[in-house]
Protein backbone atom coordinates (compact mmCIF):
# COMPACT_ATOMS: atom_id res chain seq x y z
CA MET A 1 0.05 -0.02 0.06
CA LYS A 2 0.90 3.55 -0.52
CA LYS A 3 0.34 6.55 1.29
CA PHE A 4 -1.71 9.67 -0.20
CA LEU A 5 -2.71 13.00 1.27
CA TYR A 6 -5.97 14.64 0.58
CA LEU A 7 -5.89 18.39 0.84
CA PHE A 8 -9.36 19.81 1.38
CA ARG A 9 -10.30 23.33 -0.11
CA GLY A 10 -13.62 25.22 -0.37
CA GLY A 11 -16.95 24.80 1.15
CA ASP A 12 -16.56 27.46 3.74
CA ALA A 13 -19.36 29.61 2.25
CA ARG A 14 -21.80 26.73 2.39
CA MET A 15 -21.09 25.98 5.75
CA ALA A 16 -21.31 29.51 6.77
CA GLU A 17 -24.93 29.57 5.46
CA MET A 18 -25.96 26.46 7.31
CA SER A 19 -28.17 26.33 10.42
CA PRO A 20 -26.49 24.51 13.40
CA GLU A 21 -28.66 21.44 12.72
CA GLU A 22 -27.41 21.38 9.13
CA VAL A 23 -23.66 21.62 10.22
CA GLN A 24 -24.28 18.84 12.43
CA ALA A 25 -25.80 16.61 9.81
CA GLU A 26 -22.63 17.52 7.53
CA MET A 27 -20.21 16.77 10.07
CA ALA A 28 -21.98 13.38 10.64
CA GLU A 29 -21.60 12.80 7.02
CA TRP A 30 -17.70 13.33 7.09
CA GLY A 31 -17.87 11.11 10.15
CA LYS A 32 -19.59 8.31 8.27
CA TRP A 33 -16.97 8.74 5.12
CA MET A 34 -14.10 8.57 7.48
CA GLN A 35 -15.27 5.65 9.58
CA SER A 36 -15.89 3.69 6.29
CA LEU A 37 -12.12 4.36 5.49
CA ALA A 38 -11.22 3.37 8.83
CA GLU A 39 -12.96 0.15 8.69
CA LYS A 40 -11.30 -0.89 5.49
CA GLY A 41 -7.90 0.11 7.10
CA GLN A 42 -7.27 2.83 4.75
CA LEU A 43 -7.62 5.79 7.08
CA ILE A 44 -4.24 6.80 8.74
CA ASP A 45 -5.10 10.10 10.18
CA GLY A 46 -6.87 13.52 9.48
CA LEU A 47 -7.93 16.73 10.90
CA PRO A 48 -9.56 20.12 10.00
CA LEU A 49 -7.29 23.12 10.14
CA LYS A 50 -7.78 26.59 11.61
CA ALA A 51 -8.08 29.41 9.42
CA GLU A 52 -5.34 31.55 10.97
CA GLY A 53 -1.63 30.54 10.72
CA MET A 54 1.82 32.14 10.14
CA GLN A 55 4.18 31.88 7.34
CA VAL A 56 7.90 31.56 8.02
CA SER A 57 10.38 32.68 5.12
CA LYS A 58 13.72 34.22 4.33
CA GLY A 59 15.73 31.54 6.16
CA GLY A 60 13.39 31.87 9.03
CA GLN A 61 14.04 35.46 9.54
CA LEU A 62 10.41 36.82 8.26
CA VAL A 63 7.40 35.69 10.22
CA THR A 64 4.05 36.98 8.94
CA ASP A 65 0.36 36.38 9.45
CA GLY A 66 -0.88 34.01 6.92
CA PRO A 67 -2.30 32.15 4.95
CA PHE A 68 -2.90 34.78 2.23
CA ALA A 69 -4.40 32.45 -0.26
CA GLU A 70 -7.79 33.41 -1.65
CA GLY A 71 -10.53 31.62 0.39
CA ALA A 72 -11.07 28.81 -2.04
CA GLU A 73 -7.48 28.20 -2.27
CA ILE A 74 -6.98 27.76 1.74
CA VAL A 75 -6.42 24.11 2.91
CA GLY A 76 -9.11 23.77 5.54
CA GLY A 77 -8.09 20.22 6.54
CA TYR A 78 -6.34 16.99 5.43
CA LEU A 79 -6.66 13.24 5.47
CA MET A 80 -3.90 10.56 5.05
CA VAL A 81 -4.94 7.31 3.39
CA ASN A 82 -3.70 3.96 2.14
CA ALA A 83 -4.27 2.86 -1.09
CA THR A 84 -2.85 0.74 -3.79
CA ASP A 85 -2.24 3.54 -6.40
CA MET A 86 -3.30 7.05 -7.36
CA ASN A 87 -6.59 5.62 -9.07
CA GLN A 88 -7.74 4.13 -6.00
CA ALA A 89 -6.92 7.08 -3.91
CA VAL A 90 -8.81 9.17 -6.19
CA GLU A 91 -11.93 6.78 -6.13
CA LEU A 92 -11.81 6.73 -2.30
CA SER A 93 -11.86 10.61 -2.31
CA LYS A 94 -15.07 10.82 -4.23
CA GLY A 95 -17.19 10.07 -1.27
CA CYS A 96 -16.11 13.04 0.70
CA PRO A 97 -18.59 15.49 1.56
CA ILE A 98 -16.67 18.53 0.65
CA LEU A 99 -17.45 17.69 -2.87
CA ASN A 100 -21.37 18.62 -2.24
CA ALA A 101 -20.11 22.17 -2.14
CA GLU A 102 -19.87 24.05 -5.42
CA ASP A 103 -16.26 25.22 -4.72
CA GLY A 104 -15.22 22.20 -2.68
CA ASN A 105 -12.08 20.20 -4.17
CA ILE A 106 -9.68 17.76 -2.83
CA GLU A 107 -6.03 17.70 -3.90
CA VAL A 108 -4.84 14.01 -4.00
CA ARG A 109 -1.03 13.67 -3.59
CA GLU A 110 1.11 10.54 -3.17
CA ILE A 111 3.38 10.80 -0.21
CA ALA A 112 6.96 10.29 -1.32
CA SER A 113 9.27 7.66 0.53
CA MET A 114 12.29 9.17 1.97
């Protein structure tokens, strides 16, 4: 098995418009999807990310508030999964609830061995 990283982007506007009950239902859908991956031994780890952060550059000499990407480009969370290849990793990602948002997308990247 190879390891893959899912980077989640978008969906913030949709979530902001939801009632507390709708947010709870959406989170339940995420839970079901992640549980199905876990039951198949494919879920490694994953968590949402807070919106605020810092950027470090210039050899560690410059620290600024960030991220500075457009809203739809900000990584909102990540998941690490086991899959046989990129095709399987992509297929597994298609069950993710973020894809229900018009601007929701998942970047699928294989984690390289070092």
